[in-house]
Amino acid sequence: MIEGTPGTPFEGEVAIRRRRYASEESGFAVVDAERDGDELVLVGPIAHLEERERVRIAGTWQDDRRFGMQVKVATAEPLPPSGDAALTAYLKRVKHVGAGRAAQLLNRHVD
């Protein structure tokens, strides 16, 4: 688990592991993320983020009395998928694209 000091800035690239809570109305979410094998919790207007997505995060460490250390996110910029496995997973989220079609698209468009 990554530990920060309350009030200090956090910036970095993380991978979204799972959404604990998300409000589609307000956009607020609590998300488990990972950076370089270390886990961290993100909170803020990040309901748009999906599992397995890579994101560039900027925010501030805060120590919640109930939930402990977490990063209060100010900005979250999704990053494009990289590598064949990530591209395949991304393509399979598109309606009517399965594993076979995703493989065909990769073979045709990725050098």
PDB file of N, CA and C in Angstrom:
ATOM      1  N   MET A   1       0.836  -1.179   0.000  1.00  0.00           N
ATOM      2  CA  MET A   1       0.000   0.000   0.000  1.00  0.00           C
ATOM      3  C   MET A   1       0.882   1.245   0.000  1.00  0.00           C
ATOM      4  N   ILE A   2       0.622   2.146  -0.923  1.00  0.00           N
ATOM      5  CA  ILE A   2       1.357   3.401  -0.978  1.00  0.00           C
ATOM      6  C   ILE A   2       0.865   4.288   0.164  1.00  0.00           C
ATOM      7  N   GLU A   3       1.791   4.886   0.876  1.00  0.00           N
ATOM      8  CA  GLU A   3       1.443   5.807   1.952  1.00  0.00           C
ATOM      9  C   GLU A   3       1.982   7.182   1.612  1.00  0.00           C
ATOM     10  N   GLY A   4       1.156   8.181   1.802  1.00  0.00           N
ATOM     11  CA  GLY A   4       1.572   9.556   1.593  1.00  0.00           C
ATOM     12  C   GLY A   4       1.391  10.347   2.867  1.00  0.00           C
ATOM     13  N   THR A   5       1.773  11.593   2.801  1.00  0.00           N
ATOM     14  CA  THR A   5       1.601  12.502   3.930  1.00  0.00           C
ATOM     15  C   THR A   5       0.395  13.391   3.635  1.00  0.00           C
ATOM     16  N   PRO A   6      -0.561  13.477   4.566  1.00  0.00           N
ATOM     17  CA  PRO A   6      -1.739  14.306   4.314  1.00  0.00           C
ATOM     18  C   PRO A   6      -1.362  15.716   3.877  1.00  0.00           C
ATOM     19  N   GLY A   7      -2.033  16.178   2.819  1.00  0.00           N
ATOM     20  CA  GLY A   7      -1.796  17.516   2.303  1.00  0.00           C
ATOM     21  C   GLY A   7      -0.747  17.607   1.216  1.00  0.00           C
ATOM     22  N   THR A   8       0.025  16.527   1.001  1.00  0.00           N
ATOM     23  CA  THR A   8       1.041  16.569  -0.048  1.00  0.00           C
ATOM     24  C   THR A   8       0.433  16.165  -1.391  1.00  0.00           C
ATOM     25  N   PRO A   9       0.968  16.718  -2.463  1.00  0.00           N
ATOM     26  CA  PRO A   9       0.421  16.383  -3.780  1.00  0.00           C
ATOM     27  C   PRO A   9       0.772  14.962  -4.204  1.00  0.00           C
ATOM     28  N   PHE A  10      -0.083  14.403  -5.044  1.00  0.00           N
ATOM     29  CA  PHE A  10       0.163  13.106  -5.668  1.00  0.00           C
ATOM     30  C   PHE A  10      -0.051  13.277  -7.157  1.00  0.00           C
ATOM     31  N   GLU A  11       0.913  12.831  -7.935  1.00  0.00           N
ATOM     32  CA  GLU A  11       0.778  12.796  -9.388  1.00  0.00           C
ATOM     33  C   GLU A  11       1.371  11.497  -9.868  1.00  0.00           C
ATOM     34  N   GLY A  12       0.705  10.856 -10.812  1.00  0.00           N
ATOM     35  CA  GLY A  12       1.257   9.634 -11.356  1.00  0.00           C
ATOM     36  C   GLY A  12       0.270   8.887 -12.218  1.00  0.00           C
ATOM     37  N   GLU A  13       0.795   7.860 -12.844  1.00  0.00           N
ATOM     38  CA  GLU A  13       0.006   6.993 -13.706  1.00  0.00           C
ATOM     39  C   GLU A  13      -0.398   5.771 -12.888  1.00  0.00           C
ATOM     40  N   VAL A  14      -1.692   5.457 -12.894  1.00  0.00           N
ATOM     41  CA  VAL A  14      -2.198   4.325 -12.135  1.00  0.00           C
ATOM     42  C   VAL A  14      -3.064   3.464 -13.036  1.00  0.00           C
ATOM     43  N   ALA A  15      -3.301   2.226 -12.594  1.00  0.00           N
ATOM     44  CA  ALA A  15      -4.238   1.321 -13.263  1.00  0.00           C
ATOM     45  C   ALA A  15      -5.424   1.123 -12.328  1.00  0.00           C
ATOM     46  N   ILE A  16      -6.620   1.263 -12.850  1.00  0.00           N
ATOM     47  CA  ILE A  16      -7.831   1.096 -12.047  1.00  0.00           C
ATOM     48  C   ILE A  16      -8.072  -0.397 -11.830  1.00  0.00           C
ATOM     49  N   ARG A  17      -8.196  -0.801 -10.573  1.00  0.00           N
ATOM     50  CA  ARG A  17      -8.438  -2.205 -10.231  1.00  0.00           C
ATOM     51  C   ARG A  17      -9.921  -2.501 -10.083  1.00  0.00           C
ATOM     52  N   ARG A  18     -10.625  -1.689  -9.271  1.00  0.00           N
ATOM     53  CA  ARG A  18     -12.067  -1.886  -9.127  1.00  0.00           C
ATOM     54  C   ARG A  18     -12.719  -0.632  -8.567  1.00  0.00           C
ATOM     55  N   ARG A  19     -13.998  -0.496  -8.865  1.00  0.00           N
ATOM     56  CA  ARG A  19     -14.792   0.613  -8.346  1.00  0.00           C
ATOM     57  C   ARG A  19     -15.509   0.135  -7.097  1.00  0.00           C
ATOM     58  N   ARG A  20     -15.232   0.741  -5.958  1.00  0.00           N
ATOM     59  CA  ARG A  20     -15.928   0.399  -4.713  1.00  0.00           C
ATOM     60  C   ARG A  20     -17.311   1.029  -4.677  1.00  0.00           C
ATOM     61  N   TYR A  21     -17.369   2.277  -5.116  1.00  0.00           N
ATOM     62  CA  TYR A  21     -18.621   3.026  -5.097  1.00  0.00           C
ATOM     63  C   TYR A  21     -18.569   4.052  -6.220  1.00  0.00           C
ATOM     64  N   ALA A  22     -19.711   4.250  -6.887  1.00  0.00           N
ATOM     65  CA  ALA A  22     -19.788   5.281  -7.913  1.00  0.00           C
ATOM     66  C   ALA A  22     -21.212   5.808  -7.997  1.00  0.00           C
ATOM     67  N   SER A  23     -21.353   7.112  -8.002  1.00  0.00           N
ATOM     68  CA  SER A  23     -22.644   7.766  -8.174  1.00  0.00           C
ATOM     69  C   SER A  23     -22.686   8.345  -9.580  1.00  0.00           C
ATOM     70  N   GLU A  24     -23.577   7.816 -10.391  1.00  0.00           N
ATOM     71  CA  GLU A  24     -23.708   8.335 -11.762  1.00  0.00           C
ATOM     72  C   GLU A  24     -24.291   9.750 -11.759  1.00  0.00           C
ATOM     73  N   GLU A  25     -25.060  10.093 -10.730  1.00  0.00           N
ATOM     74  CA  GLU A  25     -25.657  11.430 -10.644  1.00  0.00           C
ATOM     75  C   GLU A  25     -24.613  12.505 -10.372  1.00  0.00           C
ATOM     76  N   SER A  26     -23.779  12.289  -9.361  1.00  0.00           N
ATOM     77  CA  SER A  26     -22.804  13.316  -8.981  1.00  0.00           C
ATOM     78  C   SER A  26     -21.435  13.113  -9.626  1.00  0.00           C
ATOM     79  N   GLY A  27     -21.143  11.877 -10.064  1.00  0.00           N
ATOM     80  CA  GLY A  27     -19.832  11.580 -10.633  1.00  0.00           C
ATOM     81  C   GLY A  27     -18.791  11.207  -9.598  1.00  0.00           C
ATOM     82  N   PHE A  28     -19.162  11.270  -8.304  1.00  0.00           N
ATOM     83  CA  PHE A  28     -18.232  10.922  -7.232  1.00  0.00           C
ATOM     84  C   PHE A  28     -18.039   9.410  -7.187  1.00  0.00           C
ATOM     85  N   ALA A  29     -16.795   8.989  -6.944  1.00  0.00           N
ATOM     86  CA  ALA A  29     -16.508   7.556  -6.857  1.00  0.00           C
ATOM     87  C   ALA A  29     -15.358   7.305  -5.890  1.00  0.00           C
ATOM     88  N   VAL A  30     -15.327   6.078  -5.390  1.00  0.00           N
ATOM     89  CA  VAL A  30     -14.219   5.564  -4.594  1.00  0.00           C
ATOM     90  C   VAL A  30     -13.673   4.380  -5.382  1.00  0.00           C
ATOM     91  N   VAL A  31     -12.379   4.434  -5.708  1.00  0.00           N
ATOM     92  CA  VAL A  31     -11.780   3.474  -6.626  1.00  0.00           C
ATOM     93  C   VAL A  31     -10.489   2.913  -6.045  1.00  0.00           C
ATOM     94  N   ASP A  32     -10.307   1.605  -6.178  1.00  0.00           N
ATOM     95  CA  ASP A  32      -9.024   0.979  -5.852  1.00  0.00           C
ATOM     96  C   ASP A  32      -8.149   1.041  -7.095  1.00  0.00           C
ATOM     97  N   ALA A  33      -6.912   1.473  -6.922  1.00  0.00           N
ATOM     98  CA  ALA A  33      -5.980   1.593  -8.044  1.00  0.00           C
ATOM     99  C   ALA A  33      -4.643   0.977  -7.654  1.00  0.00           C
ATOM    100  N   GLU A  34      -3.770   0.875  -8.651  1.00  0.00           N
ATOM    101  CA  GLU A  34      -2.448   0.287  -8.441  1.00  0.00           C
ATOM    102  C   GLU A  34      -1.415   1.102  -9.212  1.00  0.00           C
ATOM    103  N   ARG A  35      -0.270   1.317  -8.555  1.00  0.00           N
ATOM    104  CA  ARG A  35       0.854   1.965  -9.233  1.00  0.00           C
ATOM    105  C   ARG A  35       2.108   1.188  -8.892  1.00  0.00           C
ATOM    106  N   ASP A  36       2.761   0.654  -9.896  1.00  0.00           N
ATOM    107  CA  ASP A  36       4.000  -0.106  -9.725  1.00  0.00           C
ATOM    108  C   ASP A  36       3.846  -1.218  -8.686  1.00  0.00           C
ATOM    109  N   GLY A  37       2.706  -1.899  -8.690  1.00  0.00           N
ATOM    110  CA  GLY A  37       2.465  -3.003  -7.774  1.00  0.00           C
ATOM    111  C   GLY A  37       1.959  -2.595  -6.402  1.00  0.00           C
ATOM    112  N   ASP A  38       1.898  -1.291  -6.122  1.00  0.00           N
ATOM    113  CA  ASP A  38       1.398  -0.801  -4.842  1.00  0.00           C
ATOM    114  C   ASP A  38      -0.050  -0.347  -4.988  1.00  0.00           C
ATOM    115  N   GLU A  39      -0.860  -0.619  -3.978  1.00  0.00           N
ATOM    116  CA  GLU A  39      -2.270  -0.254  -4.005  1.00  0.00           C
ATOM    117  C   GLU A  39      -2.495   1.123  -3.394  1.00  0.00           C
ATOM    118  N   LEU A  40      -3.526   1.831  -3.898  1.00  0.00           N
ATOM    119  CA  LEU A  40      -3.951   3.084  -3.314  1.00  0.00           C
ATOM    120  C   LEU A  40      -5.429   3.275  -3.586  1.00  0.00           C
ATOM    121  N   VAL A  41      -6.040   4.142  -2.815  1.00  0.00           N
ATOM    122  CA  VAL A  41      -7.464   4.433  -2.945  1.00  0.00           C
ATOM    123  C   VAL A  41      -7.606   5.849  -3.478  1.00  0.00           C
ATOM    124  N   LEU A  42      -8.470   6.004  -4.492  1.00  0.00           N
ATOM    125  CA  LEU A  42      -8.741   7.304  -5.096  1.00  0.00           C
ATOM    126  C   LEU A  42     -10.180   7.691  -4.798  1.00  0.00           C
ATOM    127  N   VAL A  43     -10.416   8.958  -4.484  1.00  0.00           N
ATOM    128  CA  VAL A  43     -11.767   9.469  -4.268  1.00  0.00           C
ATOM    129  C   VAL A  43     -11.920  10.786  -5.025  1.00  0.00           C
ATOM    130  N   GLY A  44     -13.144  11.043  -5.488  1.00  0.00           N
ATOM    131  CA  GLY A  44     -13.396  12.299  -6.184  1.00  0.00           C
ATOM    132  C   GLY A  44     -14.312  12.097  -7.365  1.00  0.00           C
ATOM    133  N   PRO A  45     -14.343  13.061  -8.279  1.00  0.00           N
ATOM    134  CA  PRO A  45     -15.234  13.009  -9.440  1.00  0.00           C
ATOM    135  C   PRO A  45     -14.659  12.096 -10.536  1.00  0.00           C
ATOM    136  N   ILE A  46     -14.609  10.801 -10.249  1.00  0.00           N
ATOM    137  CA  ILE A  46     -13.932   9.843 -11.137  1.00  0.00           C
ATOM    138  C   ILE A  46     -14.820   8.656 -11.505  1.00  0.00           C
ATOM    139  N   ALA A  47     -16.150   8.844 -11.451  1.00  0.00           N
ATOM    140  CA  ALA A  47     -17.071   7.745 -11.762  1.00  0.00           C
ATOM    141  C   ALA A  47     -16.947   7.296 -13.214  1.00  0.00           C
ATOM    142  N   HIS A  48     -16.354   8.120 -14.069  1.00  0.00           N
ATOM    143  CA  HIS A  48     -16.202   7.770 -15.480  1.00  0.00           C
ATOM    144  C   HIS A  48     -15.089   6.744 -15.725  1.00  0.00           C
ATOM    145  N   LEU A  49     -14.255   6.478 -14.738  1.00  0.00           N
ATOM    146  CA  LEU A  49     -13.143   5.542 -14.918  1.00  0.00           C
ATOM    147  C   LEU A  49     -13.636   4.098 -14.852  1.00  0.00           C
ATOM    148  N   GLU A  50     -13.023   3.238 -15.664  1.00  0.00           N
ATOM    149  CA  GLU A  50     -13.411   1.831 -15.736  1.00  0.00           C
ATOM    150  C   GLU A  50     -12.279   0.936 -15.260  1.00  0.00           C
ATOM    151  N   GLU A  51     -12.650  -0.279 -14.849  1.00  0.00           N
ATOM    152  CA  GLU A  51     -11.651  -1.254 -14.416  1.00  0.00           C
ATOM    153  C   GLU A  51     -10.664  -1.531 -15.550  1.00  0.00           C
ATOM    154  N   ARG A  52      -9.409  -1.743 -15.179  1.00  0.00           N
ATOM    155  CA  ARG A  52      -8.292  -2.049 -16.067  1.00  0.00           C
ATOM    156  C   ARG A  52      -7.860  -0.861 -16.926  1.00  0.00           C
ATOM    157  N   GLU A  53      -8.431   0.304 -16.697  1.00  0.00           N
ATOM    158  CA  GLU A  53      -8.062   1.500 -17.440  1.00  0.00           C
ATOM    159  C   GLU A  53      -6.821   2.133 -16.818  1.00  0.00           C
ATOM    160  N   ARG A  54      -5.927   2.655 -17.667  1.00  0.00           N
ATOM    161  CA  ARG A  54      -4.759   3.397 -17.188  1.00  0.00           C
ATOM    162  C   ARG A  54      -5.115   4.873 -17.178  1.00  0.00           C
ATOM    163  N   VAL A  55      -4.709   5.558 -16.087  1.00  0.00           N
ATOM    164  CA  VAL A  55      -5.121   6.943 -15.900  1.00  0.00           C
ATOM    165  C   VAL A  55      -3.967   7.746 -15.299  1.00  0.00           C
ATOM    166  N   ARG A  56      -3.821   8.983 -15.757  1.00  0.00           N
ATOM    167  CA  ARG A  56      -2.870   9.916 -15.133  1.00  0.00           C
ATOM    168  C   ARG A  56      -3.667  10.730 -14.115  1.00  0.00           C
ATOM    169  N   ILE A  57      -3.243  10.642 -12.859  1.00  0.00           N
ATOM    170  CA  ILE A  57      -3.960  11.244 -11.735  1.00  0.00           C
ATOM    171  C   ILE A  57      -3.159  12.400 -11.154  1.00  0.00           C
ATOM    172  N   ALA A  58      -3.862  13.457 -10.760  1.00  0.00           N
ATOM    173  CA  ALA A  58      -3.272  14.544  -9.970  1.00  0.00           C
ATOM    174  C   ALA A  58      -4.243  14.832  -8.839  1.00  0.00           C
ATOM    175  N   GLY A  59      -3.714  14.905  -7.639  1.00  0.00           N
ATOM    176  CA  GLY A  59      -4.562  15.158  -6.487  1.00  0.00           C
ATOM    177  C   GLY A  59      -3.735  15.393  -5.244  1.00  0.00           C
ATOM    178  N   THR A  60      -4.372  15.203  -4.100  1.00  0.00           N
ATOM    179  CA  THR A  60      -3.741  15.458  -2.811  1.00  0.00           C
ATOM    180  C   THR A  60      -4.041  14.309  -1.858  1.00  0.00           C
ATOM    181  N   TRP A  61      -3.008  13.896  -1.118  1.00  0.00           N
ATOM    182  CA  TRP A  61      -3.205  12.875  -0.096  1.00  0.00           C
ATOM    183  C   TRP A  61      -4.071  13.435   1.024  1.00  0.00           C
ATOM    184  N   GLN A  62      -4.989  12.614   1.526  1.00  0.00           N
ATOM    185  CA  GLN A  62      -5.783  12.993   2.689  1.00  0.00           C
ATOM    186  C   GLN A  62      -5.942  11.771   3.594  1.00  0.00           C
ATOM    187  N   ASP A  63      -6.050  12.030   4.881  1.00  0.00           N
ATOM    188  CA  ASP A  63      -6.227  10.954   5.862  1.00  0.00           C
ATOM    189  C   ASP A  63      -7.654  11.025   6.371  1.00  0.00           C
ATOM    190  N   ASP A  64      -8.500  10.151   5.845  1.00  0.00           N
ATOM    191  CA  ASP A  64      -9.893  10.091   6.263  1.00  0.00           C
ATOM    192  C   ASP A  64      -9.969   9.353   7.602  1.00  0.00           C
ATOM    193  N   ARG A  65     -10.655   9.940   8.581  1.00  0.00           N
ATOM    194  CA  ARG A  65     -10.735   9.316   9.908  1.00  0.00           C
ATOM    195  C   ARG A  65     -11.293   7.901   9.841  1.00  0.00           C
ATOM    196  N   ARG A  66     -12.220   7.672   8.958  1.00  0.00           N
ATOM    197  CA  ARG A  66     -12.882   6.365   8.877  1.00  0.00           C
ATOM    198  C   ARG A  66     -12.180   5.392   7.934  1.00  0.00           C
ATOM    199  N   PHE A  67     -11.668   5.896   6.802  1.00  0.00           N
ATOM    200  CA  PHE A  67     -11.155   5.012   5.759  1.00  0.00           C
ATOM    201  C   PHE A  67      -9.646   5.053   5.567  1.00  0.00           C
ATOM    202  N   GLY A  68      -8.941   5.927   6.264  1.00  0.00           N
ATOM    203  CA  GLY A  68      -7.488   5.969   6.163  1.00  0.00           C
ATOM    204  C   GLY A  68      -6.986   6.819   5.009  1.00  0.00           C
ATOM    205  N   MET A  69      -5.755   6.541   4.595  1.00  0.00           N
ATOM    206  CA  MET A  69      -5.093   7.343   3.562  1.00  0.00           C
ATOM    207  C   MET A  69      -5.709   7.093   2.187  1.00  0.00           C
ATOM    208  N   GLN A  70      -5.946   8.179   1.480  1.00  0.00           N
ATOM    209  CA  GLN A  70      -6.492   8.121   0.133  1.00  0.00           C
ATOM    210  C   GLN A  70      -6.084   9.376  -0.621  1.00  0.00           C
ATOM    211  N   VAL A  71      -6.184   9.295  -1.935  1.00  0.00           N
ATOM    212  CA  VAL A  71      -5.862  10.448  -2.772  1.00  0.00           C
ATOM    213  C   VAL A  71      -7.171  11.099  -3.214  1.00  0.00           C
ATOM    214  N   LYS A  72      -7.326  12.379  -2.871  1.00  0.00           N
ATOM    215  CA  LYS A  72      -8.472  13.150  -3.334  1.00  0.00           C
ATOM    216  C   LYS A  72      -8.100  13.685  -4.722  1.00  0.00           C
ATOM    217  N   VAL A  73      -8.760  13.178  -5.735  1.00  0.00           N
ATOM    218  CA  VAL A  73      -8.397  13.442  -7.125  1.00  0.00           C
ATOM    219  C   VAL A  73      -8.924  14.794  -7.590  1.00  0.00           C
ATOM    220  N   ALA A  74      -8.042  15.587  -8.183  1.00  0.00           N
ATOM    221  CA  ALA A  74      -8.415  16.857  -8.798  1.00  0.00           C
ATOM    222  C   ALA A  74      -8.621  16.675 -10.297  1.00  0.00           C
ATOM    223  N   THR A  75      -7.711  15.911 -10.938  1.00  0.00           N
ATOM    224  CA  THR A  75      -7.844  15.615 -12.366  1.00  0.00           C
ATOM    225  C   THR A  75      -7.522  14.152 -12.621  1.00  0.00           C
ATOM    226  N   ALA A  76      -8.232  13.580 -13.582  1.00  0.00           N
ATOM    227  CA  ALA A  76      -8.011  12.190 -13.980  1.00  0.00           C
ATOM    228  C   ALA A  76      -8.086  12.122 -15.497  1.00  0.00           C
ATOM    229  N   GLU A  77      -6.949  11.862 -16.122  1.00  0.00           N
ATOM    230  CA  GLU A  77      -6.843  11.841 -17.578  1.00  0.00           C
ATOM    231  C   GLU A  77      -6.631  10.406 -18.051  1.00  0.00           C
ATOM    232  N   PRO A  78      -7.670   9.779 -18.648  1.00  0.00           N
ATOM    233  CA  PRO A  78      -7.498   8.415 -19.157  1.00  0.00           C
ATOM    234  C   PRO A  78      -6.396   8.370 -20.215  1.00  0.00           C
ATOM    235  N   LEU A  79      -5.615   7.295 -20.197  1.00  0.00           N
ATOM    236  CA  LEU A  79      -4.527   7.105 -21.144  1.00  0.00           C
ATOM    237  C   LEU A  79      -4.907   6.010 -22.136  1.00  0.00           C
ATOM    238  N   PRO A  80      -4.403   6.095 -23.359  1.00  0.00           N
ATOM    239  CA  PRO A  80      -4.743   5.067 -24.342  1.00  0.00           C
ATOM    240  C   PRO A  80      -4.139   3.716 -23.946  1.00  0.00           C
ATOM    241  N   PRO A  81      -4.812   2.629 -24.332  1.00  0.00           N
ATOM    242  CA  PRO A  81      -4.269   1.305 -24.022  1.00  0.00           C
ATOM    243  C   PRO A  81      -2.964   1.074 -24.773  1.00  0.00           C
ATOM    244  N   SER A  82      -2.064   0.278 -24.174  1.00  0.00           N
ATOM    245  CA  SER A  82      -0.805  -0.052 -24.842  1.00  0.00           C
ATOM    246  C   SER A  82      -0.572  -1.547 -24.738  1.00  0.00           C
ATOM    247  N   GLY A  83      -0.048  -2.120 -25.777  1.00  0.00           N
ATOM    248  CA  GLY A  83       0.186  -3.551 -25.804  1.00  0.00           C
ATOM    249  C   GLY A  83      -1.019  -4.294 -26.353  1.00  0.00           C
ATOM    250  N   ASP A  84      -0.768  -5.469 -26.925  1.00  0.00           N
ATOM    251  CA  ASP A  84      -1.836  -6.237 -27.559  1.00  0.00           C
ATOM    252  C   ASP A  84      -2.931  -6.649 -26.586  1.00  0.00           C
ATOM    253  N   ALA A  85      -2.576  -7.073 -25.389  1.00  0.00           N
ATOM    254  CA  ALA A  85      -3.583  -7.514 -24.413  1.00  0.00           C
ATOM    255  C   ALA A  85      -4.500  -6.358 -24.031  1.00  0.00           C
ATOM    256  N   ALA A  86      -3.931  -5.182 -23.788  1.00  0.00           N
ATOM    257  CA  ALA A  86      -4.737  -4.021 -23.409  1.00  0.00           C
ATOM    258  C   ALA A  86      -5.613  -3.554 -24.564  1.00  0.00           C
ATOM    259  N   LEU A  87      -5.069  -3.563 -25.774  1.00  0.00           N
ATOM    260  CA  LEU A  87      -5.864  -3.179 -26.946  1.00  0.00           C
ATOM    261  C   LEU A  87      -7.009  -4.157 -27.184  1.00  0.00           C
ATOM    262  N   THR A  88      -6.749  -5.455 -27.023  1.00  0.00           N
ATOM    263  CA  THR A  88      -7.796  -6.463 -27.194  1.00  0.00           C
ATOM    264  C   THR A  88      -8.898  -6.262 -26.163  1.00  0.00           C
ATOM    265  N   ALA A  89      -8.533  -6.059 -24.909  1.00  0.00           N
ATOM    266  CA  ALA A  89      -9.529  -5.832 -23.859  1.00  0.00           C
ATOM    267  C   ALA A  89     -10.349  -4.577 -24.151  1.00  0.00           C
ATOM    268  N   TYR A  90      -9.699  -3.543 -24.648  1.00  0.00           N
ATOM    269  CA  TYR A  90     -10.393  -2.299 -24.984  1.00  0.00           C
ATOM    270  C   TYR A  90     -11.383  -2.525 -26.130  1.00  0.00           C
ATOM    271  N   LEU A  91     -10.954  -3.204 -27.169  1.00  0.00           N
ATOM    272  CA  LEU A  91     -11.819  -3.449 -28.323  1.00  0.00           C
ATOM    273  C   LEU A  91     -13.011  -4.332 -27.970  1.00  0.00           C
ATOM    274  N   LYS A  92     -12.813  -5.274 -27.063  1.00  0.00           N
ATOM    275  CA  LYS A  92     -13.906  -6.180 -26.684  1.00  0.00           C
ATOM    276  C   LYS A  92     -15.021  -5.464 -25.927  1.00  0.00           C
ATOM    277  N   ARG A  93     -14.765  -4.252 -25.435  1.00  0.00           N
ATOM    278  CA  ARG A  93     -15.815  -3.486 -24.766  1.00  0.00           C
ATOM    279  C   ARG A  93     -16.786  -2.863 -25.765  1.00  0.00           C
ATOM    280  N   VAL A  94     -16.399  -2.834 -27.039  1.00  0.00           N
ATOM    281  CA  VAL A  94     -17.268  -2.279 -28.074  1.00  0.00           C
ATOM    282  C   VAL A  94     -18.341  -3.303 -28.414  1.00  0.00           C
ATOM    283  N   LYS A  95     -19.571  -2.831 -28.533  1.00  0.00           N
ATOM    284  CA  LYS A  95     -20.701  -3.710 -28.850  1.00  0.00           C
ATOM    285  C   LYS A  95     -20.429  -4.478 -30.143  1.00  0.00           C
ATOM    286  N   HIS A  96     -20.678  -5.767 -30.122  1.00  0.00           N
ATOM    287  CA  HIS A  96     -20.529  -6.684 -31.260  1.00  0.00           C
ATOM    288  C   HIS A  96     -19.085  -6.995 -31.625  1.00  0.00           C
ATOM    289  N   VAL A  97     -18.138  -6.677 -30.760  1.00  0.00           N
ATOM    290  CA  VAL A  97     -16.743  -7.039 -31.003  1.00  0.00           C
ATOM    291  C   VAL A  97     -16.323  -8.039 -29.936  1.00  0.00           C
ATOM    292  N   GLY A  98     -16.058  -9.258 -30.377  1.00  0.00           N
ATOM    293  CA  GLY A  98     -15.597 -10.298 -29.466  1.00  0.00           C
ATOM    294  C   GLY A  98     -14.098 -10.496 -29.614  1.00  0.00           C
ATOM    295  N   ALA A  99     -13.612 -11.589 -29.048  1.00  0.00           N
ATOM    296  CA  ALA A  99     -12.173 -11.865 -29.081  1.00  0.00           C
ATOM    297  C   ALA A  99     -11.668 -12.054 -30.510  1.00  0.00           C
ATOM    298  N   GLY A 100     -12.429 -12.763 -31.336  1.00  0.00           N
ATOM    299  CA  GLY A 100     -12.008 -13.011 -32.719  1.00  0.00           C
ATOM    300  C   GLY A 100     -11.928 -11.742 -33.538  1.00  0.00           C
ATOM    301  N   ARG A 101     -12.960 -10.926 -33.466  1.00  0.00           N
ATOM    302  CA  ARG A 101     -12.980  -9.674 -34.227  1.00  0.00           C
ATOM    303  C   ARG A 101     -11.896  -8.714 -33.725  1.00  0.00           C
ATOM    304  N   ALA A 102     -11.685  -8.684 -32.416  1.00  0.00           N
ATOM    305  CA  ALA A 102     -10.635  -7.826 -31.856  1.00  0.00           C
ATOM    306  C   ALA A 102      -9.271  -8.247 -32.391  1.00  0.00           C
ATOM    307  N   ALA A 103      -9.034  -9.551 -32.472  1.00  0.00           N
ATOM    308  CA  ALA A 103      -7.761 -10.047 -33.014  1.00  0.00           C
ATOM    309  C   ALA A 103      -7.602  -9.655 -34.477  1.00  0.00           C
ATOM    310  N   GLN A 104      -8.673  -9.760 -35.255  1.00  0.00           N
ATOM    311  CA  GLN A 104      -8.627  -9.354 -36.668  1.00  0.00           C
ATOM    312  C   GLN A 104      -8.292  -7.871 -36.808  1.00  0.00           C
ATOM    313  N   LEU A 105      -8.936  -7.049 -35.990  1.00  0.00           N
ATOM    314  CA  LEU A 105      -8.664  -5.613 -36.039  1.00  0.00           C
ATOM    315  C   LEU A 105      -7.222  -5.290 -35.670  1.00  0.00           C
ATOM    316  N   LEU A 106      -6.710  -5.966 -34.663  1.00  0.00           N
ATOM    317  CA  LEU A 106      -5.310  -5.738 -34.276  1.00  0.00           C
ATOM    318  C   LEU A 106      -4.363  -6.145 -35.403  1.00  0.00           C
ATOM    319  N   ASN A 107      -4.592  -7.295 -35.978  1.00  0.00           N
ATOM    320  CA  ASN A 107      -3.724  -7.772 -37.071  1.00  0.00           C
ATOM    321  C   ASN A 107      -3.756  -6.832 -38.262  1.00  0.00           C
ATOM    322  N   ARG A 108      -4.889  -6.247 -38.530  1.00  0.00           N
ATOM    323  CA  ARG A 108      -5.037  -5.391 -39.698  1.00  0.00           C
ATOM    324  C   ARG A 108      -4.445  -3.991 -39.471  1.00  0.00           C
ATOM    325  N   HIS A 109      -4.541  -3.468 -38.245  1.00  0.00           N
ATOM    326  CA  HIS A 109      -4.218  -2.058 -38.019  1.00  0.00           C
ATOM    327  C   HIS A 109      -2.996  -1.792 -37.157  1.00  0.00           C
ATOM    328  N   VAL A 110      -2.422  -2.797 -36.525  1.00  0.00           N
ATOM    329  CA  VAL A 110      -1.258  -2.585 -35.668  1.00  0.00           C
ATOM    330  C   VAL A 110      -0.043  -3.226 -36.322  1.00  0.00           C
ATOM    331  N   ASP A 111       0.985  -2.457 -36.426  1.00  0.00           N
ATOM    332  CA  ASP A 111       2.224  -2.977 -37.044  1.00  0.00           C
ATOM    333  C   ASP A 111       3.121  -3.581 -36.021  1.00  0.00           C
TER     334      ASP A 111
END
